[in-house]
Amino acid sequence: MIVVESKMIRWLARKLWGSILWLMRRPWIRRLQRASYGWLPEPARDRARLSLVRQNKFALRYGERMLVWLFSILSIWLLTLFSFVFVSDMISNGTFDLKHRS
């Protein structure tokens, strides 16, 4: 699949990714993550801790790329939507009606 990538999309993804990383490094988020282990039964706590570490590593490795891909798909969808609305409006206004042209 070909993904359209522009400087604007890259900039948006980097800004959002930076904000997400900033938020995830806040002390209250870290306290919430550590507290979530306490909600689990004792045998599952170690697995949950390892699972969270794996998720964080995956996010650090692929998160920004996934956001670029997401914003690219979103921009293609919006371009298609606006084109459809524009052409539909032109059709309803009679722009392509050949009977009225002389």
C-alpha atoms as a PDB file:
ATOM      1  CA  MET A   1       0.000   0.000   0.000  1.00  0.00           C
ATOM      2  CA  ILE A   2       1.341   3.387  -0.986  1.00  0.00           C
ATOM      3  CA  VAL A   3       1.123   5.983   1.753  1.00  0.00           C
ATOM      4  CA  VAL A   4       1.146   9.669   0.935  1.00  0.00           C
ATOM      5  CA  GLU A   5       3.605  11.393   3.216  1.00  0.00           C
ATOM      6  CA  SER A   6       4.156  15.107   3.357  1.00  0.00           C
ATOM      7  CA  LYS A   7       5.995  17.474   5.640  1.00  0.00           C
ATOM      8  CA  MET A   8       2.720  18.560   7.229  1.00  0.00           C
ATOM      9  CA  ILE A   9       1.707  14.965   8.011  1.00  0.00           C
ATOM     10  CA  ARG A  10       5.163  14.216   9.403  1.00  0.00           C
ATOM     11  CA  TRP A  11       5.018  17.408  11.522  1.00  0.00           C
ATOM     12  CA  LEU A  12       1.556  16.557  12.907  1.00  0.00           C
ATOM     13  CA  ALA A  13       2.644  13.022  13.746  1.00  0.00           C
ATOM     14  CA  ARG A  14       5.821  14.210  15.466  1.00  0.00           C
ATOM     15  CA  LYS A  15       3.939  16.825  17.531  1.00  0.00           C
ATOM     16  CA  LEU A  16       1.277  14.336  18.601  1.00  0.00           C
ATOM     17  CA  TRP A  17       3.879  11.659  19.321  1.00  0.00           C
ATOM     18  CA  GLY A  18       5.915  14.094  21.413  1.00  0.00           C
ATOM     19  CA  SER A  19       2.806  15.030  23.380  1.00  0.00           C
ATOM     20  CA  ILE A  20       1.956  11.394  23.996  1.00  0.00           C
ATOM     21  CA  LEU A  21       5.484  10.637  25.190  1.00  0.00           C
ATOM     22  CA  TRP A  22       5.450  13.718  27.419  1.00  0.00           C
ATOM     23  CA  LEU A  23       2.143  12.619  28.926  1.00  0.00           C
ATOM     24  CA  MET A  24       3.321   9.053  29.504  1.00  0.00           C
ATOM     25  CA  ARG A  25       6.357  10.338  31.430  1.00  0.00           C
ATOM     26  CA  ARG A  26       4.288  12.316  33.920  1.00  0.00           C
ATOM     27  CA  PRO A  27       4.542  11.037  37.507  1.00  0.00           C
ATOM     28  CA  TRP A  28       0.797  10.516  37.899  1.00  0.00           C
ATOM     29  CA  ILE A  29       0.689   8.273  34.809  1.00  0.00           C
ATOM     30  CA  ARG A  30       3.585   6.230  36.157  1.00  0.00           C
ATOM     31  CA  ARG A  31       1.866   5.925  39.538  1.00  0.00           C
ATOM     32  CA  LEU A  32      -1.301   4.786  37.761  1.00  0.00           C
ATOM     33  CA  GLN A  33       0.641   2.132  35.836  1.00  0.00           C
ATOM     34  CA  ARG A  34       2.293   0.833  39.005  1.00  0.00           C
ATOM     35  CA  ALA A  35      -1.051   0.834  40.825  1.00  0.00           C
ATOM     36  CA  SER A  36      -2.618  -1.212  38.030  1.00  0.00           C
ATOM     37  CA  TYR A  37      -0.385  -4.140  38.996  1.00  0.00           C
ATOM     38  CA  GLY A  38      -1.966  -4.131  42.440  1.00  0.00           C
ATOM     39  CA  TRP A  39      -5.395  -4.769  40.946  1.00  0.00           C
ATOM     40  CA  LEU A  40      -4.240  -8.136  39.596  1.00  0.00           C
ATOM     41  CA  PRO A  41      -3.821 -11.393  41.499  1.00  0.00           C
ATOM     42  CA  GLU A  42      -0.288 -12.124  42.689  1.00  0.00           C
ATOM     43  CA  PRO A  43       0.700 -14.664  39.971  1.00  0.00           C
ATOM     44  CA  ALA A  44      -0.328 -12.327  37.151  1.00  0.00           C
ATOM     45  CA  ARG A  45       1.622  -9.271  38.347  1.00  0.00           C
ATOM     46  CA  ASP A  46       4.976 -10.267  36.894  1.00  0.00           C
ATOM     47  CA  ARG A  47       3.419 -11.127  33.534  1.00  0.00           C
ATOM     48  CA  ALA A  48       1.555  -7.812  33.525  1.00  0.00           C
ATOM     49  CA  ARG A  49       4.761  -5.914  34.267  1.00  0.00           C
ATOM     50  CA  LEU A  50       6.577  -7.686  31.408  1.00  0.00           C
ATOM     51  CA  SER A  51       3.621  -7.125  29.107  1.00  0.00           C
ATOM     52  CA  LEU A  52       3.654  -3.405  29.820  1.00  0.00           C
ATOM     53  CA  VAL A  53       7.392  -3.236  29.142  1.00  0.00           C
ATOM     54  CA  ARG A  54       6.884  -5.030  25.807  1.00  0.00           C
ATOM     55  CA  GLN A  55       4.033  -2.683  24.879  1.00  0.00           C
ATOM     56  CA  ASN A  56       6.158   0.357  25.694  1.00  0.00           C
ATOM     57  CA  LYS A  57       9.059  -0.945  23.600  1.00  0.00           C
ATOM     58  CA  PHE A  58       6.707  -1.621  20.686  1.00  0.00           C
ATOM     59  CA  ALA A  59       5.203   1.853  21.003  1.00  0.00           C
ATOM     60  CA  LEU A  60       8.600   3.544  21.083  1.00  0.00           C
ATOM     61  CA  ARG A  61       9.709   1.617  18.026  1.00  0.00           C
ATOM     62  CA  TYR A  62       6.633   1.885  15.799  1.00  0.00           C
ATOM     63  CA  GLY A  63       4.398   4.580  17.319  1.00  0.00           C
ATOM     64  CA  GLU A  64       5.471   7.527  15.214  1.00  0.00           C
ATOM     65  CA  ARG A  65       5.377   5.485  12.007  1.00  0.00           C
ATOM     66  CA  MET A  66       1.858   4.336  12.829  1.00  0.00           C
ATOM     67  CA  LEU A  67       0.761   7.943  13.406  1.00  0.00           C
ATOM     68  CA  VAL A  68       2.246   9.022  10.059  1.00  0.00           C
ATOM     69  CA  TRP A  69       0.370   6.186   8.369  1.00  0.00           C
ATOM     70  CA  LEU A  70      -2.843   7.101  10.194  1.00  0.00           C
ATOM     71  CA  PHE A  71      -2.604  10.789   9.269  1.00  0.00           C
ATOM     72  CA  SER A  72      -1.840   9.829   5.656  1.00  0.00           C
ATOM     73  CA  ILE A  73      -4.939   7.647   5.443  1.00  0.00           C
ATOM     74  CA  LEU A  74      -6.981  10.388   7.119  1.00  0.00           C
ATOM     75  CA  SER A  75      -5.766  13.020   4.655  1.00  0.00           C
ATOM     76  CA  ILE A  76      -6.545  10.768   1.671  1.00  0.00           C
ATOM     77  CA  TRP A  77     -10.027  10.139   3.074  1.00  0.00           C
ATOM     78  CA  LEU A  78     -10.653  13.856   3.644  1.00  0.00           C
ATOM     79  CA  LEU A  79      -9.443  14.737   0.143  1.00  0.00           C
ATOM     80  CA  THR A  80     -11.768  12.116  -1.340  1.00  0.00           C
ATOM     81  CA  LEU A  81     -14.684  13.326   0.790  1.00  0.00           C
ATOM     82  CA  PHE A  82     -14.208  16.996  -0.114  1.00  0.00           C
ATOM     83  CA  SER A  83     -13.840  16.119  -3.806  1.00  0.00           C
ATOM     84  CA  PHE A  84     -17.071  14.140  -3.695  1.00  0.00           C
ATOM     85  CA  VAL A  85     -18.924  16.969  -1.926  1.00  0.00           C
ATOM     86  CA  PHE A  86     -17.545  19.538  -4.392  1.00  0.00           C
ATOM     87  CA  VAL A  87     -18.553  17.516  -7.451  1.00  0.00           C
ATOM     88  CA  SER A  88     -21.970  16.712  -5.937  1.00  0.00           C
ATOM     89  CA  ASP A  89     -22.550  20.410  -5.333  1.00  0.00           C
ATOM     90  CA  MET A  90     -21.563  21.233  -8.906  1.00  0.00           C
ATOM     91  CA  ILE A  91     -23.928  18.570 -10.231  1.00  0.00           C
ATOM     92  CA  SER A  92     -26.812  19.862  -8.092  1.00  0.00           C
ATOM     93  CA  ASN A  93     -26.149  23.422  -9.302  1.00  0.00           C
ATOM     94  CA  GLY A  94     -26.368  22.280 -12.913  1.00  0.00           C
ATOM     95  CA  THR A  95     -22.763  22.882 -13.868  1.00  0.00           C
ATOM     96  CA  PHE A  96     -22.573  19.699 -15.905  1.00  0.00           C
ATOM     97  CA  ASP A  97     -26.101  19.992 -17.345  1.00  0.00           C
ATOM     98  CA  LEU A  98     -25.750  20.259 -21.124  1.00  0.00           C
ATOM     99  CA  LYS A  99     -29.446  21.169 -21.792  1.00  0.00           C
ATOM    100  CA  HIS A 100     -29.104  24.681 -20.407  1.00  0.00           C
ATOM    101  CA  ARG A 101     -25.928  25.520 -22.325  1.00  0.00           C
ATOM    102  CA  SER A 102     -26.380  27.129 -25.691  1.00  0.00           C
END
